[in-house]
Amino acid sequence: MKDLLSAVIAVGAVGLGLSIVFLVLKAPDVAITQLVVEMLCLIILLRATLKKDLPFSTTGRWLLNTLITAGFIVVFLFVAIRAFKDLPEFGYPIMRVANIYLKEGLVKTGASNIVSSVILDFRAYDTLGETTVLFTAVIGVMAIVRRIGRKKKDEVVEEDDE
């Protein structure tokens, strides 16, 4: 990718692909959530990068950088292939505890539906962690994109002279 805008669009394409994977895996609620979050992040990132696009600079170390990148890709593919071999056959669940959640969830928790019992009782810490990550991401994006409270370039130069 030669510029920042192309990188942002590529990230959006990856998010769209991930939501399609969730649809194939029969998780439409996760796919819709992924699609909405991805669209919002893409809009925010596009807004932030349209005026901050940096030109591509080539250095004399392009061969070294290419070799290091290729090495990382080879290591990643090796680890990914090893991990994929350990996955169960497609369509069979990895976690056997899901059957316990479905069979005993309503009785153990007293919730009105099974989704509430799993999300709020069995997986409460996981849900809290996901919520914390989302709020942290929102605060980070707001800090990057904000206009109020940011010094202009002229003000920074004047303060350094004093």
C-alpha atoms as a PDB file:
ATOM      1  CA  MET A   1       0.000   0.000   0.000  1.00  0.00           C
ATOM      2  CA  LYS A   2       1.560   3.248  -1.088  1.00  0.00           C
ATOM      3  CA  ASP A   3      -0.678   5.627   0.802  1.00  0.00           C
ATOM      4  CA  LEU A   4      -2.701   5.814   3.971  1.00  0.00           C
ATOM      5  CA  LEU A   5      -6.065   5.976   2.214  1.00  0.00           C
ATOM      6  CA  SER A   6      -5.454   2.647   0.470  1.00  0.00           C
ATOM      7  CA  ALA A   7      -4.545   1.069   3.806  1.00  0.00           C
ATOM      8  CA  VAL A   8      -7.777   2.317   5.400  1.00  0.00           C
ATOM      9  CA  ILE A   9      -9.837   0.946   2.512  1.00  0.00           C
ATOM     10  CA  ALA A  10      -8.031  -2.402   2.806  1.00  0.00           C
ATOM     11  CA  VAL A  11      -8.892  -2.553   6.515  1.00  0.00           C
ATOM     12  CA  GLY A  12     -12.534  -1.933   5.604  1.00  0.00           C
ATOM     13  CA  ALA A  13     -12.430  -4.749   3.058  1.00  0.00           C
ATOM     14  CA  VAL A  14     -11.024  -7.130   5.670  1.00  0.00           C
ATOM     15  CA  GLY A  15     -13.841  -6.199   8.073  1.00  0.00           C
ATOM     16  CA  LEU A  16     -16.429  -6.799   5.371  1.00  0.00           C
ATOM     17  CA  GLY A  17     -14.869 -10.184   4.645  1.00  0.00           C
ATOM     18  CA  LEU A  18     -14.998 -11.050   8.328  1.00  0.00           C
ATOM     19  CA  SER A  19     -18.700 -10.225   8.513  1.00  0.00           C
ATOM     20  CA  ILE A  20     -19.280 -12.497   5.500  1.00  0.00           C
ATOM     21  CA  VAL A  21     -17.412 -15.267   7.336  1.00  0.00           C
ATOM     22  CA  PHE A  22     -19.726 -14.768  10.321  1.00  0.00           C
ATOM     23  CA  LEU A  23     -22.728 -15.111   8.005  1.00  0.00           C
ATOM     24  CA  VAL A  24     -21.338 -18.348   6.561  1.00  0.00           C
ATOM     25  CA  LEU A  25     -20.802 -19.655  10.098  1.00  0.00           C
ATOM     26  CA  LYS A  26     -24.507 -18.985  10.806  1.00  0.00           C
ATOM     27  CA  ALA A  27     -23.959 -16.119  13.252  1.00  0.00           C
ATOM     28  CA  PRO A  28     -26.046 -13.303  11.718  1.00  0.00           C
ATOM     29  CA  ASP A  29     -26.167 -11.261  14.926  1.00  0.00           C
ATOM     30  CA  VAL A  30     -22.372 -11.146  15.117  1.00  0.00           C
ATOM     31  CA  ALA A  31     -22.187 -10.414  11.372  1.00  0.00           C
ATOM     32  CA  ILE A  32     -24.536  -7.442  11.680  1.00  0.00           C
ATOM     33  CA  THR A  33     -22.630  -6.095  14.684  1.00  0.00           C
ATOM     34  CA  GLN A  34     -19.322  -6.516  12.854  1.00  0.00           C
ATOM     35  CA  LEU A  35     -20.704  -4.771   9.780  1.00  0.00           C
ATOM     36  CA  VAL A  36     -22.046  -1.794  11.746  1.00  0.00           C
ATOM     37  CA  VAL A  37     -18.858  -1.371  13.783  1.00  0.00           C
ATOM     38  CA  GLU A  38     -16.732  -1.761  10.653  1.00  0.00           C
ATOM     39  CA  MET A  39     -18.726   0.862   8.767  1.00  0.00           C
ATOM     40  CA  LEU A  40     -18.476   3.338  11.636  1.00  0.00           C
ATOM     41  CA  CYS A  41     -14.742   2.748  12.036  1.00  0.00           C
ATOM     42  CA  LEU A  42     -14.219   3.081   8.292  1.00  0.00           C
ATOM     43  CA  ILE A  43     -16.074   6.398   8.204  1.00  0.00           C
ATOM     44  CA  ILE A  44     -14.059   7.735  11.136  1.00  0.00           C
ATOM     45  CA  LEU A  45     -10.752   6.532   9.710  1.00  0.00           C
ATOM     46  CA  LEU A  46     -11.552   7.947   6.268  1.00  0.00           C
ATOM     47  CA  ARG A  47     -12.389  11.297   7.823  1.00  0.00           C
ATOM     48  CA  ALA A  48      -9.164  11.254   9.801  1.00  0.00           C
ATOM     49  CA  THR A  49      -6.948  10.262   6.876  1.00  0.00           C
ATOM     50  CA  LEU A  50      -8.317  12.364   4.033  1.00  0.00           C
ATOM     51  CA  LYS A  51      -6.349  15.428   5.147  1.00  0.00           C
ATOM     52  CA  LYS A  52      -3.385  13.544   6.601  1.00  0.00           C
ATOM     53  CA  ASP A  53      -2.286  11.473   3.633  1.00  0.00           C
ATOM     54  CA  LEU A  54       1.495  11.228   3.644  1.00  0.00           C
ATOM     55  CA  PRO A  55       3.538  10.704   0.491  1.00  0.00           C
ATOM     56  CA  PHE A  56       5.289   7.400   0.020  1.00  0.00           C
ATOM     57  CA  SER A  57       9.020   7.607   0.578  1.00  0.00           C
ATOM     58  CA  THR A  58      11.429   4.983  -0.627  1.00  0.00           C
ATOM     59  CA  THR A  59      14.574   4.302   1.299  1.00  0.00           C
ATOM     60  CA  GLY A  60      17.683   2.416   0.345  1.00  0.00           C
ATOM     61  CA  ARG A  61      16.749  -0.443   2.688  1.00  0.00           C
ATOM     62  CA  TRP A  62      13.782  -1.709   0.692  1.00  0.00           C
ATOM     63  CA  LEU A  63      15.355  -5.145   0.240  1.00  0.00           C
ATOM     64  CA  LEU A  64      15.891  -5.578   3.993  1.00  0.00           C
ATOM     65  CA  ASN A  65      12.343  -4.399   4.727  1.00  0.00           C
ATOM     66  CA  THR A  66      10.940  -6.789   2.125  1.00  0.00           C
ATOM     67  CA  LEU A  67      12.885  -9.736   3.538  1.00  0.00           C
ATOM     68  CA  ILE A  68      11.775  -8.978   7.108  1.00  0.00           C
ATOM     69  CA  THR A  69       8.149  -8.687   5.976  1.00  0.00           C
ATOM     70  CA  ALA A  70       8.388 -11.948   4.040  1.00  0.00           C
ATOM     71  CA  GLY A  71       9.880 -13.628   7.126  1.00  0.00           C
ATOM     72  CA  PHE A  72       6.991 -12.460   9.300  1.00  0.00           C
ATOM     73  CA  ILE A  73       4.497 -13.711   6.715  1.00  0.00           C
ATOM     74  CA  VAL A  74       6.166 -17.141   6.564  1.00  0.00           C
ATOM     75  CA  VAL A  75       6.174 -17.449  10.375  1.00  0.00           C
ATOM     76  CA  PHE A  76       2.535 -16.332  10.538  1.00  0.00           C
ATOM     77  CA  LEU A  77       1.474 -18.836   7.884  1.00  0.00           C
ATOM     78  CA  PHE A  78       3.364 -21.641   9.638  1.00  0.00           C
ATOM     79  CA  VAL A  79       1.645 -20.887  12.960  1.00  0.00           C
ATOM     80  CA  ALA A  80      -1.755 -20.469  11.264  1.00  0.00           C
ATOM     81  CA  ILE A  81      -1.502 -23.803   9.443  1.00  0.00           C
ATOM     82  CA  ARG A  82      -0.531 -25.575  12.669  1.00  0.00           C
ATOM     83  CA  ALA A  83      -3.457 -23.929  14.478  1.00  0.00           C
ATOM     84  CA  PHE A  84      -5.956 -24.812  11.739  1.00  0.00           C
ATOM     85  CA  LYS A  85      -4.968 -28.483  11.926  1.00  0.00           C
ATOM     86  CA  ASP A  86      -6.043 -28.546  15.589  1.00  0.00           C
ATOM     87  CA  LEU A  87      -9.520 -27.186  14.860  1.00  0.00           C
ATOM     88  CA  PRO A  88     -12.416 -29.641  14.778  1.00  0.00           C
ATOM     89  CA  GLU A  89     -14.192 -30.498  11.549  1.00  0.00           C
ATOM     90  CA  PHE A  90     -16.329 -27.679  10.177  1.00  0.00           C
ATOM     91  CA  GLY A  91     -19.763 -27.613  11.768  1.00  0.00           C
ATOM     92  CA  TYR A  92     -18.785 -29.319  15.025  1.00  0.00           C
ATOM     93  CA  PRO A  93     -18.441 -27.038  18.040  1.00  0.00           C
ATOM     94  CA  ILE A  94     -15.116 -26.582  19.774  1.00  0.00           C
ATOM     95  CA  MET A  95     -16.541 -25.863  23.216  1.00  0.00           C
ATOM     96  CA  ARG A  96     -18.431 -28.738  24.771  1.00  0.00           C
ATOM     97  CA  VAL A  97     -19.649 -26.457  27.559  1.00  0.00           C
ATOM     98  CA  ALA A  98     -22.151 -24.895  25.129  1.00  0.00           C
ATOM     99  CA  ASN A  99     -24.415 -27.921  25.550  1.00  0.00           C
ATOM    100  CA  ILE A 100     -24.457 -27.368  29.317  1.00  0.00           C
ATOM    101  CA  TYR A 101     -25.347 -23.701  28.783  1.00  0.00           C
ATOM    102  CA  LEU A 102     -28.275 -24.665  26.579  1.00  0.00           C
ATOM    103  CA  LYS A 103     -29.583 -27.531  28.719  1.00  0.00           C
ATOM    104  CA  GLU A 104     -29.216 -26.023  32.199  1.00  0.00           C
ATOM    105  CA  GLY A 105     -28.973 -22.282  31.539  1.00  0.00           C
ATOM    106  CA  LEU A 106     -32.531 -21.263  32.321  1.00  0.00           C
ATOM    107  CA  VAL A 107     -32.762 -23.475  35.417  1.00  0.00           C
ATOM    108  CA  LYS A 108     -29.438 -22.377  36.932  1.00  0.00           C
ATOM    109  CA  THR A 109     -29.806 -18.647  36.277  1.00  0.00           C
ATOM    110  CA  GLY A 110     -33.537 -18.034  36.406  1.00  0.00           C
ATOM    111  CA  ALA A 111     -33.307 -15.790  33.336  1.00  0.00           C
ATOM    112  CA  SER A 112     -36.254 -15.284  31.013  1.00  0.00           C
ATOM    113  CA  ASN A 113     -34.390 -16.429  27.881  1.00  0.00           C
ATOM    114  CA  ILE A 114     -31.285 -18.428  27.092  1.00  0.00           C
ATOM    115  CA  VAL A 115     -29.394 -15.570  25.419  1.00  0.00           C
ATOM    116  CA  SER A 116     -29.652 -13.413  28.533  1.00  0.00           C
ATOM    117  CA  SER A 117     -28.568 -16.258  30.762  1.00  0.00           C
ATOM    118  CA  VAL A 118     -25.467 -17.011  28.678  1.00  0.00           C
ATOM    119  CA  ILE A 119     -24.390 -13.401  28.103  1.00  0.00           C
ATOM    120  CA  LEU A 120     -25.160 -11.959  31.531  1.00  0.00           C
ATOM    121  CA  ASP A 121     -24.547 -14.915  33.841  1.00  0.00           C
ATOM    122  CA  PHE A 122     -22.186 -17.453  32.320  1.00  0.00           C
ATOM    123  CA  ARG A 123     -20.146 -15.036  30.188  1.00  0.00           C
ATOM    124  CA  ALA A 124     -20.454 -11.847  32.255  1.00  0.00           C
ATOM    125  CA  TYR A 125     -16.721 -11.141  32.523  1.00  0.00           C
ATOM    126  CA  ASP A 126     -16.277 -11.699  28.803  1.00  0.00           C
ATOM    127  CA  THR A 127     -19.108  -9.270  28.054  1.00  0.00           C
ATOM    128  CA  LEU A 128     -17.613  -6.730  30.466  1.00  0.00           C
ATOM    129  CA  GLY A 129     -14.239  -7.059  28.736  1.00  0.00           C
ATOM    130  CA  GLU A 130     -15.757  -6.574  25.280  1.00  0.00           C
ATOM    131  CA  THR A 131     -17.633  -3.503  26.478  1.00  0.00           C
ATOM    132  CA  THR A 132     -14.442  -2.081  27.981  1.00  0.00           C
ATOM    133  CA  VAL A 133     -12.569  -2.608  24.712  1.00  0.00           C
ATOM    134  CA  LEU A 134     -15.319  -0.876  22.724  1.00  0.00           C
ATOM    135  CA  PHE A 135     -15.418   2.140  25.046  1.00  0.00           C
ATOM    136  CA  THR A 136     -11.622   2.381  25.014  1.00  0.00           C
ATOM    137  CA  ALA A 137     -11.647   2.312  21.206  1.00  0.00           C
ATOM    138  CA  VAL A 138     -14.265   5.073  21.087  1.00  0.00           C
ATOM    139  CA  ILE A 139     -12.242   7.243  23.469  1.00  0.00           C
ATOM    140  CA  GLY A 140      -9.093   6.632  21.404  1.00  0.00           C
ATOM    141  CA  VAL A 141     -10.822   7.584  18.152  1.00  0.00           C
ATOM    142  CA  MET A 142     -12.286  10.705  19.765  1.00  0.00           C
ATOM    143  CA  ALA A 143      -8.837  11.730  21.001  1.00  0.00           C
ATOM    144  CA  ILE A 144      -7.333  11.304  17.532  1.00  0.00           C
ATOM    145  CA  VAL A 145     -10.091  12.965  15.510  1.00  0.00           C
ATOM    146  CA  ARG A 146     -10.944  15.830  17.866  1.00  0.00           C
ATOM    147  CA  ARG A 147     -10.516  19.448  16.785  1.00  0.00           C
ATOM    148  CA  ILE A 148     -11.217  21.298  20.026  1.00  0.00           C
ATOM    149  CA  GLY A 149      -8.229  21.451  22.347  1.00  0.00           C
ATOM    150  CA  ARG A 150      -5.651  20.769  19.648  1.00  0.00           C
ATOM    151  CA  LYS A 151      -2.977  23.416  19.163  1.00  0.00           C
ATOM    152  CA  LYS A 152      -2.371  24.873  15.753  1.00  0.00           C
ATOM    153  CA  LYS A 153       1.103  24.705  14.243  1.00  0.00           C
ATOM    154  CA  ASP A 154       1.640  28.476  14.670  1.00  0.00           C
ATOM    155  CA  GLU A 155       0.815  28.327  18.396  1.00  0.00           C
ATOM    156  CA  VAL A 156       3.334  25.544  18.991  1.00  0.00           C
ATOM    157  CA  VAL A 157       6.116  27.545  17.308  1.00  0.00           C
ATOM    158  CA  GLU A 158       5.300  30.682  19.343  1.00  0.00           C
ATOM    159  CA  GLU A 159       5.394  28.768  22.646  1.00  0.00           C
ATOM    160  CA  ASP A 160       8.774  27.239  21.785  1.00  0.00           C
ATOM    161  CA  ASP A 161      10.252  30.702  21.102  1.00  0.00           C
ATOM    162  CA  GLU A 162       9.328  32.014  24.566  1.00  0.00           C
END
